[in-house]
PDB file of N, CA and C in Angstrom:
ATOM      1  N   UNK A   1      -6.328  -3.569  -4.653  1.00  0.00           N
ATOM      2  CA  UNK A   1      -5.054  -3.598  -3.940  1.00  0.00           C
ATOM      3  C   UNK A   1      -3.855  -4.198  -4.628  1.00  0.00           C
ATOM      4  N   UNK A   2      -4.017  -5.114  -4.381  1.00  0.00           N
ATOM      5  CA  UNK A   2      -2.687  -5.738  -5.465  1.00  0.00           C
ATOM      6  C   UNK A   2      -2.707  -5.343  -7.053  1.00  0.00           C
ATOM      7  N   UNK A   3      -3.669  -5.512  -7.552  1.00  0.00           N
ATOM      8  CA  UNK A   3      -3.390  -4.927  -9.228  1.00  0.00           C
ATOM      9  C   UNK A   3      -3.081  -3.285  -9.192  1.00  0.00           C
ATOM     10  N   UNK A   4      -3.120  -2.422  -7.670  1.00  0.00           N
ATOM     11  CA  UNK A   4      -2.747  -1.361  -7.637  1.00  0.00           C
ATOM     12  C   UNK A   4      -0.898  -1.802  -7.808  1.00  0.00           C
ATOM     13  N   UNK A   5      -0.705  -2.470  -6.799  1.00  0.00           N
ATOM     14  CA  UNK A   5       0.627  -2.624  -6.475  1.00  0.00           C
ATOM     15  C   UNK A   5       1.592  -3.372  -7.840  1.00  0.00           C
ATOM     16  N   UNK A   6       0.838  -4.201  -8.217  1.00  0.00           N
ATOM     17  CA  UNK A   6       0.991  -4.757  -9.313  1.00  0.00           C
ATOM     18  C   UNK A   6       1.594  -3.547 -10.983  1.00  0.00           C
ATOM     19  N   UNK A   7       0.518  -2.907 -11.097  1.00  0.00           N
ATOM     20  CA  UNK A   7       0.565  -1.852 -12.007  1.00  0.00           C
ATOM     21  C   UNK A   7       1.351  -0.662 -11.572  1.00  0.00           C
ATOM     22  N   UNK A   8       1.762  -0.124 -10.549  1.00  0.00           N
ATOM     23  CA  UNK A   8       2.538   0.778  -9.637  1.00  0.00           C
ATOM     24  C   UNK A   8       4.446  -0.035  -9.957  1.00  0.00           C
ATOM     25  N   UNK A   9       3.979  -1.039  -9.551  1.00  0.00           N
ATOM     26  CA  UNK A   9       5.905  -1.587  -9.555  1.00  0.00           C
ATOM     27  C   UNK A   9       5.924  -1.548 -10.964  1.00  0.00           C
ATOM     28  N   UNK A  10       5.170  -2.287 -11.798  1.00  0.00           N
ATOM     29  CA  UNK A  10       5.791  -1.995 -13.047  1.00  0.00           C
ATOM     30  C   UNK A  10       5.342  -0.730 -13.668  1.00  0.00           C
ATOM     31  N   UNK A  11       6.044   0.109 -13.350  1.00  0.00           N
ATOM     32  CA  UNK A  11       6.010   1.493 -13.822  1.00  0.00           C
ATOM     33  C   UNK A  11       7.053   1.627 -13.041  1.00  0.00           C
ATOM     34  N   UNK A  12       7.798   1.146 -12.532  1.00  0.00           N
ATOM     35  CA  UNK A  12       8.798   1.891 -11.394  1.00  0.00           C
ATOM     36  C   UNK A  12       8.809   2.486 -10.198  1.00  0.00           C
ATOM     37  N   UNK A  13       7.871   2.317 -10.049  1.00  0.00           N
ATOM     38  CA  UNK A  13       7.561   3.162  -8.099  1.00  0.00           C
ATOM     39  C   UNK A  13       8.216   1.912  -7.076  1.00  0.00           C
ATOM     40  N   UNK A  14       9.405   2.481  -6.329  1.00  0.00           N
ATOM     41  CA  UNK A  14      10.340   1.891  -5.228  1.00  0.00           C
ATOM     42  C   UNK A  14       9.047   1.293  -4.011  1.00  0.00           C
ATOM     43  N   UNK A  15       8.549   0.092  -4.055  1.00  0.00           N
ATOM     44  CA  UNK A  15       7.817  -0.440  -2.423  1.00  0.00           C
ATOM     45  C   UNK A  15       8.523  -0.516  -1.491  1.00  0.00           C
ATOM     46  N   UNK A  16       8.355   0.040  -0.139  1.00  0.00           N
ATOM     47  CA  UNK A  16       8.766  -0.491   0.733  1.00  0.00           C
ATOM     48  C   UNK A  16       8.500  -1.780   1.337  1.00  0.00           C
ATOM     49  N   UNK A  17       7.646  -1.883   1.055  1.00  0.00           N
ATOM     50  CA  UNK A  17       6.870  -3.038   2.057  1.00  0.00           C
ATOM     51  C   UNK A  17       5.199  -3.229   1.194  1.00  0.00           C
ATOM     52  N   UNK A  18       5.422  -4.280   0.875  1.00  0.00           N
ATOM     53  CA  UNK A  18       4.455  -4.761  -0.605  1.00  0.00           C
ATOM     54  C   UNK A  18       3.056  -4.843   0.454  1.00  0.00           C
ATOM     55  N   UNK A  19       1.798  -4.585  -0.133  1.00  0.00           N
ATOM     56  CA  UNK A  19       0.693  -5.135   0.405  1.00  0.00           C
ATOM     57  C   UNK A  19       0.661  -5.689   1.532  1.00  0.00           C
ATOM     58  N   UNK A  20       0.114  -6.010   2.492  1.00  0.00           N
ATOM     59  CA  UNK A  20      -0.327  -7.025   3.379  1.00  0.00           C
ATOM     60  C   UNK A  20      -1.443  -7.033   4.481  1.00  0.00           C
ATOM     61  N   UNK A  21      -1.686  -7.694   4.591  1.00  0.00           N
ATOM     62  CA  UNK A  21      -3.219  -7.952   5.429  1.00  0.00           C
ATOM     63  C   UNK A  21      -2.869  -7.412   6.933  1.00  0.00           C
ATOM     64  N   UNK A  22      -3.840  -6.270   7.751  1.00  0.00           N
ATOM     65  CA  UNK A  22      -3.844  -5.555   8.477  1.00  0.00           C
ATOM     66  C   UNK A  22      -5.265  -5.654   9.790  1.00  0.00           C
ATOM     67  N   UNK A  23      -4.962  -5.512  10.734  1.00  0.00           N
ATOM     68  CA  UNK A  23      -6.991  -5.134  11.599  1.00  0.00           C
ATOM     69  C   UNK A  23      -7.330  -4.770  10.563  1.00  0.00           C
ATOM     70  N   UNK A  24      -6.809  -3.414   9.808  1.00  0.00           N
ATOM     71  CA  UNK A  24      -7.758  -1.845   9.398  1.00  0.00           C
ATOM     72  C   UNK A  24      -7.758  -2.184   8.310  1.00  0.00           C
ATOM     73  N   UNK A  25      -7.381  -3.050   7.590  1.00  0.00           N
ATOM     74  CA  UNK A  25      -7.398  -3.387   5.583  1.00  0.00           C
ATOM     75  C   UNK A  25      -5.928  -4.127   5.179  1.00  0.00           C
ATOM     76  N   UNK A  26      -5.785  -3.455   3.783  1.00  0.00           N
ATOM     77  CA  UNK A  26      -4.671  -3.464   3.292  1.00  0.00           C
ATOM     78  C   UNK A  26      -3.476  -2.957   3.012  1.00  0.00           C
ATOM     79  N   UNK A  27      -2.333  -2.764   3.711  1.00  0.00           N
ATOM     80  CA  UNK A  27      -1.562  -1.592   3.738  1.00  0.00           C
ATOM     81  C   UNK A  27       0.160  -2.432   3.176  1.00  0.00           C
ATOM     82  N   UNK A  28       0.076  -0.878   2.118  1.00  0.00           N
ATOM     83  CA  UNK A  28       1.735  -0.875   2.072  1.00  0.00           C
ATOM     84  C   UNK A  28       2.526   0.764   1.995  1.00  0.00           C
ATOM     85  N   UNK A  29       3.855   0.498   1.526  1.00  0.00           N
ATOM     86  CA  UNK A  29       4.153   1.772   1.487  1.00  0.00           C
ATOM     87  C   UNK A  29       5.345   1.897   0.204  1.00  0.00           C
ATOM     88  N   UNK A  30       5.304   3.236  -0.112  1.00  0.00           N
ATOM     89  CA  UNK A  30       6.666   3.496  -1.359  1.00  0.00           C
ATOM     90  C   UNK A  30       7.076   4.338  -0.853  1.00  0.00           C
ATOM     91  N   UNK A  31       7.877   5.146  -2.183  1.00  0.00           N
ATOM     92  CA  UNK A  31       8.677   6.118  -1.948  1.00  0.00           C
ATOM     93  C   UNK A  31       8.380   7.046  -3.468  1.00  0.00           C
ATOM     94  N   UNK A  32       7.970   8.387  -3.044  1.00  0.00           N
ATOM     95  CA  UNK A  32       7.828   9.090  -4.589  1.00  0.00           C
ATOM     96  C   UNK A  32       9.051   9.551  -5.266  1.00  0.00           C
ATOM     97  N   UNK A  33       9.682   9.709  -6.333  1.00  0.00           N
ATOM     98  CA  UNK A  33      11.347  10.455  -6.637  1.00  0.00           C
ATOM     99  C   UNK A  33      11.329  11.298  -6.023  1.00  0.00           C
ATOM    100  N   UNK A  34      11.181  11.898  -5.472  1.00  0.00           N
ATOM    101  CA  UNK A  34      11.577  13.028  -4.254  1.00  0.00           C
ATOM    102  C   UNK A  34      12.406  12.101  -2.988  1.00  0.00           C
ATOM    103  N   UNK A  35      11.819  11.076  -3.083  1.00  0.00           N
ATOM    104  CA  UNK A  35      12.232  10.170  -1.648  1.00  0.00           C
ATOM    105  C   UNK A  35      11.214  10.180  -0.069  1.00  0.00           C
ATOM    106  N   UNK A  36      10.055  11.115  -0.457  1.00  0.00           N
ATOM    107  CA  UNK A  36       9.329  11.248   0.127  1.00  0.00           C
ATOM    108  C   UNK A  36       8.117   9.922   0.547  1.00  0.00           C
ATOM    109  N   UNK A  37       8.357   9.381   1.403  1.00  0.00           N
ATOM    110  CA  UNK A  37       7.579   7.873   2.497  1.00  0.00           C
ATOM    111  C   UNK A  37       6.335   8.215   2.472  1.00  0.00           C
ATOM    112  N   UNK A  38       5.613   7.341   1.901  1.00  0.00           N
ATOM    113  CA  UNK A  38       3.694   7.529   1.644  1.00  0.00           C
ATOM    114  C   UNK A  38       3.253   6.199   1.783  1.00  0.00           C
ATOM    115  N   UNK A  39       2.424   5.799   2.344  1.00  0.00           N
ATOM    116  CA  UNK A  39       1.099   5.187   2.723  1.00  0.00           C
ATOM    117  C   UNK A  39       0.723   4.518   1.398  1.00  0.00           C
ATOM    118  N   UNK A  40       0.296   3.372   1.006  1.00  0.00           N
ATOM    119  CA  UNK A  40      -1.444   3.304  -0.026  1.00  0.00           C
ATOM    120  C   UNK A  40      -2.159   1.934   0.864  1.00  0.00           C
ATOM    121  N   UNK A  41      -2.784   2.390   0.567  1.00  0.00           N
ATOM    122  CA  UNK A  41      -4.116   1.697   2.045  1.00  0.00           C
ATOM    123  C   UNK A  41      -5.407   1.542   1.537  1.00  0.00           C
ATOM    124  N   UNK A  42      -6.248   0.097   1.888  1.00  0.00           N
ATOM    125  CA  UNK A  42      -7.178  -0.252   1.629  1.00  0.00           C
ATOM    126  C   UNK A  42      -8.231  -0.574   2.521  1.00  0.00           C
ATOM    127  N   UNK A  43      -8.736   0.436   2.757  1.00  0.00           N
ATOM    128  CA  UNK A  43      -9.539  -0.103   4.617  1.00  0.00           C
ATOM    129  C   UNK A  43     -11.122  -0.980   4.188  1.00  0.00           C
ATOM    130  N   UNK A  44     -10.893  -1.829   5.678  1.00  0.00           N
ATOM    131  CA  UNK A  44     -12.019  -2.686   5.400  1.00  0.00           C
ATOM    132  C   UNK A  44     -12.980  -2.640   5.875  1.00  0.00           C
ATOM    133  N   UNK A  45     -14.010  -3.219   6.705  1.00  0.00           N
ATOM    134  CA  UNK A  45     -14.750  -2.863   7.994  1.00  0.00           C
ATOM    135  C   UNK A  45     -13.968  -3.604   8.895  1.00  0.00           C
ATOM    136  N   UNK A  46     -14.213  -3.221  10.262  1.00  0.00           N
ATOM    137  CA  UNK A  46     -13.871  -3.294  11.255  1.00  0.00           C
ATOM    138  C   UNK A  46     -15.590  -3.871  12.108  1.00  0.00           C
ATOM    139  N   UNK A  47     -15.780  -4.505  12.656  1.00  0.00           N
ATOM    140  CA  UNK A  47     -16.650  -4.918  13.535  1.00  0.00           C
ATOM    141  C   UNK A  47     -16.413  -4.367  14.863  1.00  0.00           C
ATOM    142  N   UNK A  48     -17.362  -4.190  15.327  1.00  0.00           N
ATOM    143  CA  UNK A  48     -17.277  -2.417  17.074  1.00  0.00           C
ATOM    144  C   UNK A  48     -17.755  -3.678  17.706  1.00  0.00           C
ATOM    145  N   UNK A  49     -17.150  -3.387  18.408  1.00  0.00           N
ATOM    146  CA  UNK A  49     -17.152  -4.517  20.149  1.00  0.00           C
ATOM    147  C   UNK A  49     -16.965  -5.687  20.178  1.00  0.00           C
TER     148      UNK A  49
END
């Protein structure tokens, strides 16, 4: 995920949130050229129970 963040940032993508670990995985958000808010997530295995 961090490599994707670095590459996209270098290409001028405006990230609203840098990648951050969350209980379900690594999550970040950015805007596309039209201003739409999108999320980039890498899911991790979460133990059940």
